[in-house]
Amino acid sequence: TDKFGKSEIALGGAEHCVSQHTVAYLRAHTGAYLASETPRAMARWSDKGGREQWAIEREKGGVVRSGDAVLLRDYTGNLLHAKGTDVLSEEHDKGPLQRFRFIIERKDGDGKVCAGD
């Protein structure tokens, strides 16, 4: 669970699974999508536009599986990270703050992470 509650990955359809550089929309428990509002990232709107797109980066590349650690990059190229209680998207480089990793988990156990998980 993150600051926004459990998030859901919304891709193009049920057959789409997440891999290196997949662009996804992250929906919070409120139904709003996580948006980059530089420097903050917030889930306030139900719109799916450019600011709500996040590129998933996996250090090893390939398909993302439940339990993998990933980085999230916004439409400007900034990486999502936490600083105290704030969730921010303000730096391109993978510095100490941007080494923050998100663990992706499926709703239903192990395996590839696909749309709706």
Protein backbone atom coordinates (compact mmCIF):
# COMPACT_ATOMS: atom_id res chain seq x y z
CA THR A 1 0.00 0.00 0.00
CA ASP A 2 1.35 3.44 -0.89
CA LYS A 3 0.23 6.98 -0.02
CA PHE A 4 -2.65 6.52 -2.45
CA GLY A 5 -3.76 3.10 -1.20
CA LYS A 6 -3.53 0.07 -3.44
CA SER A 7 -3.03 1.01 -7.09
CA GLU A 8 -4.30 -0.80 -10.15
CA ILE A 9 -2.46 -0.92 -13.45
CA ALA A 10 -4.73 0.04 -16.35
CA LEU A 11 -3.33 -0.92 -19.76
CA GLY A 12 -4.93 -1.41 -23.15
CA GLY A 13 -6.78 -4.63 -22.35
CA ALA A 14 -6.82 -7.89 -20.43
CA GLU A 15 -4.16 -9.50 -22.66
CA HIS A 16 -1.55 -6.78 -22.06
CA CYS A 17 1.21 -7.64 -19.60
CA VAL A 18 3.77 -5.23 -18.16
CA SER A 19 7.34 -5.20 -19.48
CA GLN A 20 10.28 -2.79 -19.60
CA HIS A 21 9.08 0.72 -20.64
CA THR A 22 5.38 -0.20 -20.61
CA VAL A 23 3.37 2.99 -20.20
CA ALA A 24 0.66 2.53 -17.60
CA TYR A 25 -1.96 4.47 -15.68
CA LEU A 26 -1.94 3.86 -11.92
CA ARG A 27 -5.39 4.07 -10.37
CA ALA A 28 -5.69 4.66 -6.63
CA HIS A 29 -8.32 3.15 -4.36
CA THR A 30 -10.30 6.40 -4.85
CA GLY A 31 -10.67 5.76 -8.60
CA ALA A 32 -8.38 8.70 -9.43
CA TYR A 33 -5.21 8.21 -11.47
CA LEU A 34 -1.74 9.09 -10.20
CA ALA A 35 -0.59 12.22 -12.05
CA SER A 36 2.71 14.05 -12.19
CA GLU A 37 2.13 17.63 -11.14
CA THR A 38 5.80 18.54 -10.91
CA PRO A 39 7.22 18.33 -8.39
CA ARG A 40 4.38 16.46 -6.65
CA ALA A 41 2.59 13.33 -7.76
CA MET A 42 -1.06 13.11 -6.74
CA ALA A 43 -4.14 11.02 -7.47
CA ARG A 44 -6.94 13.59 -7.78
CA TRP A 45 -8.64 13.12 -11.16
CA SER A 46 -10.31 10.30 -13.07
CA ASP A 47 -8.81 11.53 -16.38
CA LYS A 48 -6.20 9.50 -18.27
CA GLY A 49 -4.00 12.06 -20.04
CA GLY A 50 -0.28 12.62 -20.50
CA ARG A 51 0.35 13.61 -16.89
CA GLU A 52 -1.19 10.32 -15.74
CA GLN A 53 1.16 8.17 -17.84
CA TRP A 54 4.02 6.36 -16.09
CA ALA A 55 6.74 4.38 -17.86
CA ILE A 56 7.73 1.30 -15.89
CA GLU A 57 11.46 0.59 -15.72
CA ARG A 58 12.86 -2.72 -14.57
CA GLU A 59 16.63 -2.87 -14.09
CA LYS A 60 16.91 -6.29 -15.72
CA GLY A 61 14.43 -5.49 -18.51
CA GLY A 62 11.89 -8.03 -19.70
CA VAL A 63 8.45 -8.91 -18.36
CA VAL A 64 7.49 -7.64 -14.90
CA ARG A 65 6.47 -10.38 -12.47
CA SER A 66 4.76 -10.14 -9.10
CA GLY A 67 7.31 -9.08 -6.47
CA ASP A 68 9.61 -7.23 -8.91
CA ALA A 69 11.02 -3.84 -7.93
CA VAL A 70 10.50 -1.15 -10.57
CA LEU A 71 11.07 2.56 -11.14
CA LEU A 72 8.29 4.82 -12.43
CA ARG A 73 9.14 7.63 -14.87
CA ASP A 74 6.68 10.45 -15.68
CA TYR A 75 5.95 12.18 -19.00
CA THR A 76 8.86 14.62 -18.47
CA GLY A 77 11.35 11.82 -17.75
CA ASN A 78 11.42 12.42 -13.99
CA LEU A 79 11.48 9.46 -11.61
CA LEU A 80 8.87 9.03 -8.90
CA HIS A 81 10.21 8.92 -5.34
CA ALA A 82 9.21 9.60 -1.75
CA LYS A 83 10.66 12.30 0.47
CA GLY A 84 9.21 12.16 3.97
CA THR A 85 5.45 11.93 3.51
CA ASP A 86 5.50 13.50 0.02
CA VAL A 87 5.50 11.58 -3.25
CA LEU A 88 7.50 13.56 -5.82
CA SER A 89 8.58 13.44 -9.44
CA GLU A 90 11.37 15.98 -9.82
CA GLU A 91 14.66 14.42 -11.05
CA HIS A 92 15.71 12.55 -14.22
CA ASP A 93 18.81 10.95 -12.72
CA LYS A 94 18.86 7.83 -10.59
CA GLY A 95 20.34 9.54 -7.52
CA PRO A 96 19.90 8.47 -3.87
CA LEU A 97 16.27 9.66 -3.72
CA GLN A 98 15.35 8.11 -7.06
CA ARG A 99 16.64 4.72 -6.02
CA PHE A 100 13.24 4.37 -4.38
CA ARG A 101 11.68 1.22 -5.82
CA PHE A 102 8.06 0.18 -6.06
CA ILE A 103 7.19 -3.46 -5.58
CA ILE A 104 4.53 -4.64 -8.01
CA GLU A 105 2.23 -7.39 -6.78
CA ARG A 106 -0.58 -9.22 -8.52
CA LYS A 107 -4.00 -9.42 -6.91
CA ASP A 108 -4.00 -13.19 -7.36
CA GLY A 109 -0.54 -14.50 -6.43
CA ASP A 110 2.62 -15.05 -8.46
CA GLY A 111 3.25 -14.63 -12.17
CA LYS A 112 3.34 -11.95 -14.84
CA VAL A 113 1.70 -8.62 -14.04
CA CYS A 114 -1.01 -7.83 -16.59
CA ALA A 115 -3.78 -5.27 -17.10
CA GLY A 116 -6.17 -5.23 -14.16
CA ASP A 117 -3.62 -6.49 -11.61
